Protein backbone atom coordinates (compact mmCIF):
# COMPACT_ATOMS: atom_id res chain seq x y z
CA MET A 1 187.07 86.91 78.16
CA ASN A 2 188.35 83.51 77.97
CA LYS A 3 191.60 84.59 76.94
CA LEU A 4 192.10 87.52 79.24
CA PRO A 5 194.51 86.62 82.10
CA LYS A 6 193.00 85.47 85.10
CA GLU A 7 193.93 88.44 86.92
CA LYS A 8 192.70 90.42 84.29
CA GLN A 9 189.20 88.87 84.57
CA ILE A 10 188.82 89.47 88.46
CA HIS A 11 189.60 93.36 87.75
CA LEU A 12 187.07 93.46 84.40
CA VAL A 13 184.61 91.75 87.14
CA VAL A 14 185.68 94.12 90.25
CA VAL A 15 185.06 97.25 87.87
CA ALA A 16 181.79 95.54 86.68
CA LEU A 17 180.92 95.46 90.15
CA VAL A 18 182.15 98.78 91.14
CA THR A 19 180.25 100.14 88.58
CA LEU A 20 177.36 98.53 89.52
CA GLY A 21 177.90 99.46 93.01
CA VAL A 22 177.80 102.90 91.74
CA ILE A 23 174.76 103.11 89.16
CA VAL A 24 172.70 101.52 92.47
CA GLY A 25 174.54 104.12 94.90
CA LEU A 26 173.19 106.81 92.44
CA TRP A 27 169.95 105.28 91.68
CA PHE A 28 169.01 105.21 95.27
CA GLY A 29 171.18 108.26 96.90
CA VAL A 30 170.24 110.86 94.00
CA ILE A 31 167.52 109.54 91.43
CA ALA A 32 165.30 108.09 94.34
CA MET A 33 165.53 111.55 96.52
CA GLN A 34 164.56 113.08 93.85
CA GLN A 35 161.45 111.04 92.82
CA ALA A 36 161.06 111.19 96.75
CA LYS A 37 160.75 114.95 96.65
CA ILE A 38 158.92 115.11 93.33
CA SER A 39 156.18 113.04 95.26
CA ALA A 40 156.27 114.86 98.54
CA ILE A 41 156.17 118.34 96.13
CA ALA A 42 152.68 117.00 93.98
CA ARG A 43 151.32 115.81 96.72
CA GLN A 44 151.65 119.56 98.51
CA SER A 45 150.63 120.96 94.90
CA GLN A 46 147.49 118.64 94.90
CA LYS A 47 146.89 120.20 99.28
CA VAL A 48 147.27 123.43 97.48
CA GLN A 49 144.78 123.02 94.55
CA ASP A 50 142.50 121.39 96.75
CA GLU A 51 142.43 124.06 99.49
CA MET A 52 141.76 126.41 96.84
CA ALA A 53 138.73 125.06 95.50
CA LYS A 54 137.48 124.86 98.60
CA ILE A 55 138.47 128.73 98.57
CA GLN A 56 136.51 129.09 95.35
CA LYS A 57 132.89 127.22 97.46
CA VAL A 58 133.40 129.07 99.94
CA LYS A 59 133.31 132.18 97.93
CA VAL A 60 130.37 131.25 95.62
CA GLU A 61 129.04 130.15 98.85
CA ALA A 62 129.25 133.37 100.48
CA GLU A 63 128.02 135.08 97.23
CA GLN A 64 124.20 132.71 97.87
CA VAL A 65 124.51 133.53 101.38
CA ASP A 66 124.51 137.38 100.34
CA VAL A 67 121.97 137.31 98.29
CA ALA A 68 119.89 135.12 100.71
CA LEU A 69 120.21 137.39 103.15
CA ALA A 70 119.19 140.35 101.41
CA ALA A 71 115.73 138.11 100.39
CA SER A 72 115.57 137.73 103.95
CA THR A 73 115.69 141.09 104.89
CA ASN A 74 113.46 142.52 101.81
CA GLN A 75 110.96 139.89 103.36
CA LEU A 76 111.46 140.31 107.12
CA ASN A 77 111.27 144.39 106.49
CA LYS A 78 108.16 143.64 104.48
CA ILE A 79 106.29 141.87 106.67
CA GLU A 80 107.62 144.36 110.31
CA SER A 81 105.91 147.42 108.06
CA GLY A 82 102.60 145.00 108.46
CA MET A 83 102.94 144.37 112.02
CA PRO A 84 100.69 146.07 114.59
CA SER A 85 102.13 149.52 115.41
CA GLY A 86 100.31 152.36 117.49
CA ASP A 87 96.50 152.13 119.29
CA LEU A 88 97.03 148.17 119.41
CA PHE A 89 93.53 147.85 120.35
CA SER A 90 92.50 149.76 117.33
CA TRP A 91 94.79 148.06 114.69
CA THR A 92 93.21 144.12 115.83
CA VAL A 93 89.77 145.15 115.57
CA SER A 94 90.28 147.06 112.21
CA SER A 95 92.84 144.01 110.57
CA LEU A 96 90.32 141.52 112.29
CA LYS A 97 86.89 144.02 110.80
CA GLN A 98 89.22 144.39 107.07
CA PHE A 99 89.68 140.67 107.01
CA ASN A 100 86.96 138.78 108.26
CA ASN A 101 85.12 139.94 105.14
CA PRO A 102 81.16 138.39 104.58
CA SER A 103 82.34 134.88 102.69
CA TYR A 104 83.55 133.83 106.02
CA LYS A 105 80.55 134.58 108.45
CA VAL A 106 82.32 134.69 111.75
CA ASP A 107 80.88 137.05 114.47
CA MET A 108 83.02 138.44 116.68
CA PRO A 109 81.24 140.65 118.70
CA GLN A 110 83.72 140.36 121.59
CA ILE A 111 87.43 141.73 121.18
CA GLY A 112 89.31 142.09 124.57
CA SER A 113 92.12 144.69 125.53
CA PRO A 114 95.80 143.78 124.22
CA SER A 115 98.12 142.54 127.03
CA VAL A 116 101.46 143.45 126.05
CA GLY A 117 104.11 141.46 127.36
CA SER A 118 107.65 139.84 126.32
CA VAL A 119 107.29 136.40 124.06
CA ARG A 120 107.10 133.75 126.38
CA LEU A 121 108.02 130.81 124.12
CA TYR A 122 111.68 132.29 123.12
CA PRO A 123 113.75 133.94 125.52
CA ASP A 124 115.35 137.13 124.22
CA PHE A 125 113.42 137.26 121.42
CA PRO A 126 113.98 140.69 119.87
CA TYR A 127 109.65 140.89 119.75
CA ASN A 128 107.30 142.04 122.43
CA GLN A 129 103.97 139.98 122.06
CA ALA A 130 100.58 141.43 121.94
CA ALA A 131 97.74 139.10 123.36
CA VAL A 132 94.07 139.84 122.32
CA ALA A 133 90.79 137.90 123.67
CA VAL A 134 88.57 137.02 120.94
CA SER A 135 85.02 135.59 121.71
CA GLY A 136 81.94 134.84 119.10
CA SER A 137 80.60 132.34 116.66
CA ALA A 138 79.87 130.92 113.59
CA TYR A 139 79.87 127.81 111.26
CA TYR A 140 82.15 124.76 111.64
CA TYR A 141 83.36 125.24 108.08
CA GLU A 142 83.50 129.18 108.05
CA PHE A 143 86.00 129.21 111.16
CA GLY A 144 87.81 126.34 109.80
CA LYS A 145 88.59 128.69 106.94
CA PHE A 146 88.88 132.18 108.64
CA LEU A 147 91.40 130.30 110.83
CA CYS A 148 93.14 128.86 108.22
CA ASP A 149 93.55 132.17 105.84
CA LEU A 150 93.94 134.77 108.93
CA GLU A 151 97.13 132.75 109.96
CA ASN A 152 98.34 132.32 106.93
CA ARG A 153 97.27 136.02 106.02
CA PHE A 154 99.14 137.31 108.98
CA PRO A 155 102.37 136.02 109.71
CA TYR A 156 103.15 137.22 113.23
CA LEU A 157 99.87 136.10 114.03
CA ARG A 158 99.20 132.93 115.77
CA VAL A 159 95.75 131.86 117.38
CA GLN A 160 96.11 130.55 120.75
CA ASN A 161 94.17 128.72 123.76
CA LEU A 162 91.10 127.76 121.42
CA SER A 163 87.95 126.44 123.19
CA LEU A 164 84.73 125.51 120.80
CA GLU A 165 81.22 124.66 122.28
CA PRO A 166 78.53 124.03 120.76
CA GLY A 167 75.74 126.87 119.94
CA TYR A 168 73.24 128.04 122.08
CA GLY A 169 70.12 129.79 121.19
CA THR A 170 66.68 129.80 120.11
CA THR A 171 66.87 129.01 116.84
CA ALA A 172 67.63 125.91 114.65
CA GLU A 173 70.17 127.97 112.95
CA GLU A 174 72.19 129.16 116.11
CA HIS A 175 72.47 125.69 117.21
CA GLU A 176 74.13 124.68 113.94
CA LYS A 177 77.12 127.49 115.08
CA LEU A 178 79.90 127.20 117.16
CA ASN A 179 80.81 129.35 120.01
CA PHE A 180 84.43 129.91 120.45
CA HIS A 181 86.79 131.84 122.57
CA MET A 182 90.38 132.36 121.62
CA GLU A 183 93.64 134.69 121.95
CA ILE A 184 94.83 136.00 119.18
CA VAL A 185 98.70 136.75 119.56
CA ASN A 186 100.88 139.66 117.49
CA LEU A 187 104.52 140.16 117.94
CA VAL A 188 105.12 143.79 117.74
CA LYS A 189 108.11 145.30 117.96
CA PRO A 190 109.36 145.87 121.66
CA SER A 191 108.96 150.03 121.15
CA THR A 192 105.28 150.09 120.56
CA SER A 193 103.43 149.93 123.33
CA LEU A 194 99.36 150.62 124.41
CA PRO A 195 98.59 154.33 124.41
């Protein structure tokens, strides 16, 4: 390069600078822009893949929800088939007598007439309720076991307004018993009513 005349050296430096400028221009003008487009496409592709994964997850969860809904519907139908129907007083008396086996030792001589109405606890509830007043006597342990088993056996039934009093009577055995008064509330389908 030292042997070239000064004018040719300047031309060579200008050509080198122009070439370098063109290369830099191509880099920033074409290659960098293409790399930005590739990055944008990659982000868009990842977004679409994430959306597809969400859709697959929703599909799997929807199938699980369908299975759970079918199981819950079957369970509800089974529970509804055991709900009180027809003559509610007869149903209540017969159900309590069948349930109250001799192992409980719970005497329930007084069972009132059912009063049917809407469920007061929840508005727009799809069932009515039939409340029956029940009175009797039992030993503390047997009565507790009876209540526990009663509410576990009948999922559509609950005991409310329970009051316990010491037993009154002439014998020592009657003094050991508790007198109870309670209200048994059954859920019934709205079409069920007293005859």
